[in-house]
Amino acid sequence: MILTSILTAILLWTAGCTAETTYTLVTIADARSRPAQVIDIGNAGDSPGDLLVFDQPLRDADMQEIGTNSGICTRTRPAHSFQCQWTLTLENGTITVAGREFDTGTSLISIIGGTGHYAGISGVMESTNNNDGTFTQTLRYKQK
């Protein structure tokens, strides 16, 4: 009986220690005022190896500027997708993401790290091209 009570207490304590809260952050990457710069490498036009370099305003749902969205993408499949890495810089820290971004639709991008308030972050970002020069970025994450 005592052993069972001790084991139950340990299991409950362990469950409480490992449960993490999932957070959601929605941002808008605004490429209208500062579009990505295309660096055409190799064959002329859209071809593997072309680069997109960007440093754009990052906005909240009310379109108020909250930081910057900066990074680089390498074209891997013409008229289809890029392999990207970029950083969302906010007042209280940064969030770095990396993964495949599709030309259309929604892309799932890995959250690979952060600084400041976002140290220990992990999760996924959904990036959706709004077809108006903006991208809605919905981050669902946990922190250690």
C-alpha atoms as a PDB file:
ATOM      1  CA  MET A   1       0.000   0.000   0.000  1.00  0.00           C
ATOM      2  CA  ILE A   2       2.745   2.445   0.907  1.00  0.00           C
ATOM      3  CA  LEU A   3       4.735   1.477  -2.211  1.00  0.00           C
ATOM      4  CA  THR A   4       1.646   2.008  -4.388  1.00  0.00           C
ATOM      5  CA  SER A   5       1.066   5.436  -2.829  1.00  0.00           C
ATOM      6  CA  ILE A   6       4.684   6.420  -3.393  1.00  0.00           C
ATOM      7  CA  LEU A   7       4.601   5.259  -7.033  1.00  0.00           C
ATOM      8  CA  THR A   8       1.321   7.122  -7.626  1.00  0.00           C
ATOM      9  CA  ALA A   9       2.795  10.303  -6.118  1.00  0.00           C
ATOM     10  CA  ILE A  10       5.904  10.003  -8.312  1.00  0.00           C
ATOM     11  CA  LEU A  11       3.802   9.489 -11.461  1.00  0.00           C
ATOM     12  CA  LEU A  12       1.595  12.481 -10.664  1.00  0.00           C
ATOM     13  CA  TRP A  13       4.622  14.659  -9.901  1.00  0.00           C
ATOM     14  CA  THR A  14       6.352  13.568 -13.139  1.00  0.00           C
ATOM     15  CA  ALA A  15       3.215  14.272 -15.183  1.00  0.00           C
ATOM     16  CA  GLY A  16       2.970  17.730 -13.648  1.00  0.00           C
ATOM     17  CA  CYS A  17       6.620  18.484 -14.398  1.00  0.00           C
ATOM     18  CA  THR A  18       6.485  17.426 -18.029  1.00  0.00           C
ATOM     19  CA  ALA A  19       3.221  19.090 -19.025  1.00  0.00           C
ATOM     20  CA  GLU A  20       3.970  22.151 -21.132  1.00  0.00           C
ATOM     21  CA  THR A  21       1.629  24.903 -22.183  1.00  0.00           C
ATOM     22  CA  THR A  22       1.191  25.492 -25.911  1.00  0.00           C
ATOM     23  CA  TYR A  23       1.233  29.166 -26.883  1.00  0.00           C
ATOM     24  CA  THR A  24       0.029  30.826 -30.086  1.00  0.00           C
ATOM     25  CA  LEU A  25       1.461  33.970 -31.648  1.00  0.00           C
ATOM     26  CA  VAL A  26       0.036  35.419 -34.876  1.00  0.00           C
ATOM     27  CA  THR A  27       2.165  37.839 -36.883  1.00  0.00           C
ATOM     28  CA  ILE A  28       1.944  39.403 -40.331  1.00  0.00           C
ATOM     29  CA  ALA A  29       5.115  39.647 -42.432  1.00  0.00           C
ATOM     30  CA  ASP A  30       4.598  42.752 -44.550  1.00  0.00           C
ATOM     31  CA  ALA A  31       6.522  42.592 -47.839  1.00  0.00           C
ATOM     32  CA  ARG A  32       4.588  45.469 -49.427  1.00  0.00           C
ATOM     33  CA  SER A  33       6.926  48.267 -48.388  1.00  0.00           C
ATOM     34  CA  ARG A  34      10.162  46.258 -48.622  1.00  0.00           C
ATOM     35  CA  PRO A  35       9.771  43.332 -51.043  1.00  0.00           C
ATOM     36  CA  ALA A  36      12.307  40.530 -51.007  1.00  0.00           C
ATOM     37  CA  GLN A  37      15.316  41.118 -53.239  1.00  0.00           C
ATOM     38  CA  VAL A  38      15.799  38.387 -55.837  1.00  0.00           C
ATOM     39  CA  ILE A  39      19.371  37.358 -56.589  1.00  0.00           C
ATOM     40  CA  ASP A  40      19.266  35.451 -59.876  1.00  0.00           C
ATOM     41  CA  ILE A  41      21.926  32.730 -59.817  1.00  0.00           C
ATOM     42  CA  GLY A  42      22.579  30.255 -62.622  1.00  0.00           C
ATOM     43  CA  ASN A  43      20.044  30.157 -65.447  1.00  0.00           C
ATOM     44  CA  ALA A  44      18.162  33.378 -66.102  1.00  0.00           C
ATOM     45  CA  GLY A  45      14.737  33.536 -64.480  1.00  0.00           C
ATOM     46  CA  ASP A  46      13.246  31.248 -61.858  1.00  0.00           C
ATOM     47  CA  SER A  47      15.771  28.434 -61.408  1.00  0.00           C
ATOM     48  CA  PRO A  48      17.313  26.327 -58.625  1.00  0.00           C
ATOM     49  CA  GLY A  49      19.780  28.275 -56.508  1.00  0.00           C
ATOM     50  CA  ASP A  50      18.140  31.689 -56.887  1.00  0.00           C
ATOM     51  CA  LEU A  51      18.027  33.601 -53.601  1.00  0.00           C
ATOM     52  CA  LEU A  52      15.445  35.780 -51.875  1.00  0.00           C
ATOM     53  CA  VAL A  53      16.837  38.126 -49.236  1.00  0.00           C
ATOM     54  CA  PHE A  54      14.448  40.098 -47.061  1.00  0.00           C
ATOM     55  CA  ASP A  55      14.186  42.419 -44.060  1.00  0.00           C
ATOM     56  CA  GLN A  56      10.556  43.438 -43.681  1.00  0.00           C
ATOM     57  CA  PRO A  57       8.231  44.910 -41.090  1.00  0.00           C
ATOM     58  CA  LEU A  58       6.546  42.404 -38.779  1.00  0.00           C
ATOM     59  CA  ARG A  59       3.033  43.379 -37.717  1.00  0.00           C
ATOM     60  CA  ASP A  60       0.377  42.182 -35.284  1.00  0.00           C
ATOM     61  CA  ALA A  61      -3.238  41.375 -36.218  1.00  0.00           C
ATOM     62  CA  ASP A  62      -4.089  45.113 -36.028  1.00  0.00           C
ATOM     63  CA  MET A  63      -1.257  45.830 -38.529  1.00  0.00           C
ATOM     64  CA  GLN A  64       0.784  47.672 -35.886  1.00  0.00           C
ATOM     65  CA  GLU A  65       4.528  47.217 -36.365  1.00  0.00           C
ATOM     66  CA  ILE A  66       5.968  44.905 -33.693  1.00  0.00           C
ATOM     67  CA  GLY A  67       9.378  44.049 -35.143  1.00  0.00           C
ATOM     68  CA  THR A  68      11.113  42.742 -38.243  1.00  0.00           C
ATOM     69  CA  ASN A  69      10.988  39.596 -40.348  1.00  0.00           C
ATOM     70  CA  SER A  70      14.447  38.990 -41.853  1.00  0.00           C
ATOM     71  CA  GLY A  71      16.045  36.095 -43.689  1.00  0.00           C
ATOM     72  CA  ILE A  72      17.052  34.254 -46.818  1.00  0.00           C
ATOM     73  CA  CYS A  73      15.445  31.632 -49.057  1.00  0.00           C
ATOM     74  CA  THR A  74      17.073  29.431 -51.704  1.00  0.00           C
ATOM     75  CA  ARG A  75      14.966  28.311 -54.651  1.00  0.00           C
ATOM     76  CA  THR A  76      14.894  24.522 -54.647  1.00  0.00           C
ATOM     77  CA  ARG A  77      12.053  23.829 -57.050  1.00  0.00           C
ATOM     78  CA  PRO A  78      11.079  26.489 -59.641  1.00  0.00           C
ATOM     79  CA  ALA A  79       7.481  27.753 -59.453  1.00  0.00           C
ATOM     80  CA  HIS A  80       6.968  25.562 -56.376  1.00  0.00           C
ATOM     81  CA  SER A  81       9.086  26.128 -53.256  1.00  0.00           C
ATOM     82  CA  PHE A  82      12.098  27.573 -51.457  1.00  0.00           C
ATOM     83  CA  GLN A  83      14.211  26.330 -48.560  1.00  0.00           C
ATOM     84  CA  CYS A  84      14.240  29.199 -46.052  1.00  0.00           C
ATOM     85  CA  GLN A  85      15.608  30.390 -42.750  1.00  0.00           C
ATOM     86  CA  TRP A  86      14.531  33.617 -41.117  1.00  0.00           C
ATOM     87  CA  THR A  87      14.250  35.421 -37.801  1.00  0.00           C
ATOM     88  CA  LEU A  88      11.322  37.257 -36.300  1.00  0.00           C
ATOM     89  CA  THR A  89      12.802  40.043 -34.165  1.00  0.00           C
ATOM     90  CA  LEU A  90      10.439  41.287 -31.470  1.00  0.00           C
ATOM     91  CA  GLU A  91      10.882  43.713 -28.568  1.00  0.00           C
ATOM     92  CA  ASN A  92      11.386  40.887 -26.048  1.00  0.00           C
ATOM     93  CA  GLY A  93      13.505  38.456 -28.112  1.00  0.00           C
ATOM     94  CA  THR A  94      13.861  36.620 -31.401  1.00  0.00           C
ATOM     95  CA  ILE A  95      12.370  33.492 -32.943  1.00  0.00           C
ATOM     96  CA  THR A  96      14.244  31.648 -35.706  1.00  0.00           C
ATOM     97  CA  VAL A  97      12.439  29.357 -38.151  1.00  0.00           C
ATOM     98  CA  ALA A  98      13.612  27.134 -41.000  1.00  0.00           C
ATOM     99  CA  GLY A  99      11.979  24.914 -43.598  1.00  0.00           C
ATOM    100  CA  ARG A 100      10.319  24.636 -46.971  1.00  0.00           C
ATOM    101  CA  GLU A 101       8.064  27.503 -48.014  1.00  0.00           C
ATOM    102  CA  PHE A 102       5.682  26.864 -50.874  1.00  0.00           C
ATOM    103  CA  ASP A 103       4.851  29.535 -53.469  1.00  0.00           C
ATOM    104  CA  THR A 104       1.123  29.109 -52.772  1.00  0.00           C
ATOM    105  CA  GLY A 105      -0.966  27.846 -49.896  1.00  0.00           C
ATOM    106  CA  THR A 106       0.183  27.246 -46.347  1.00  0.00           C
ATOM    107  CA  SER A 107       3.648  26.046 -45.393  1.00  0.00           C
ATOM    108  CA  LEU A 108       4.592  24.370 -42.110  1.00  0.00           C
ATOM    109  CA  ILE A 109       7.953  25.706 -40.947  1.00  0.00           C
ATOM    110  CA  SER A 110       9.929  24.432 -37.928  1.00  0.00           C
ATOM    111  CA  ILE A 111      10.647  26.814 -35.065  1.00  0.00           C
ATOM    112  CA  ILE A 112      14.304  26.073 -34.372  1.00  0.00           C
ATOM    113  CA  GLY A 113      15.176  28.439 -31.538  1.00  0.00           C
ATOM    114  CA  GLY A 114      14.892  31.774 -29.872  1.00  0.00           C
ATOM    115  CA  THR A 115      16.447  34.351 -27.583  1.00  0.00           C
ATOM    116  CA  GLY A 116      15.228  36.489 -24.697  1.00  0.00           C
ATOM    117  CA  HIS A 117      11.607  35.757 -23.819  1.00  0.00           C
ATOM    118  CA  TYR A 118      11.625  32.993 -26.470  1.00  0.00           C
ATOM    119  CA  ALA A 119      14.705  31.082 -25.236  1.00  0.00           C
ATOM    120  CA  GLY A 120      14.008  27.331 -25.319  1.00  0.00           C
ATOM    121  CA  ILE A 121      11.192  27.691 -27.857  1.00  0.00           C
ATOM    122  CA  SER A 122      10.142  24.815 -30.136  1.00  0.00           C
ATOM    123  CA  GLY A 123       7.151  24.215 -32.331  1.00  0.00           C
ATOM    124  CA  VAL A 124       5.785  24.972 -35.756  1.00  0.00           C
ATOM    125  CA  MET A 125       4.859  28.069 -37.726  1.00  0.00           C
ATOM    126  CA  GLU A 126       2.155  28.070 -40.381  1.00  0.00           C
ATOM    127  CA  SER A 127       3.065  30.600 -43.063  1.00  0.00           C
ATOM    128  CA  THR A 128       0.289  31.572 -45.460  1.00  0.00           C
ATOM    129  CA  ASN A 129       0.783  33.814 -48.487  1.00  0.00           C
ATOM    130  CA  ASN A 130      -2.178  36.226 -48.414  1.00  0.00           C
ATOM    131  CA  ASN A 131      -1.579  37.160 -52.089  1.00  0.00           C
ATOM    132  CA  ASP A 132      -1.482  40.865 -51.204  1.00  0.00           C
ATOM    133  CA  GLY A 133       2.189  41.213 -50.288  1.00  0.00           C
ATOM    134  CA  THR A 134       1.660  39.962 -46.739  1.00  0.00           C
ATOM    135  CA  PHE A 135       2.117  36.577 -45.079  1.00  0.00           C
ATOM    136  CA  THR A 136       0.195  35.444 -42.015  1.00  0.00           C
ATOM    137  CA  GLN A 137       2.511  33.559 -39.677  1.00  0.00           C
ATOM    138  CA  THR A 138       0.805  31.543 -36.933  1.00  0.00           C
ATOM    139  CA  LEU A 139       3.310  30.177 -34.444  1.00  0.00           C
ATOM    140  CA  ARG A 140       2.275  27.347 -32.102  1.00  0.00           C
ATOM    141  CA  TYR A 141       5.032  26.710 -29.626  1.00  0.00           C
ATOM    142  CA  LYS A 142       6.212  25.420 -26.291  1.00  0.00           C
ATOM    143  CA  GLN A 143       9.064  26.677 -24.141  1.00  0.00           C
ATOM    144  CA  LYS A 144      11.376  24.829 -21.787  1.00  0.00           C
END
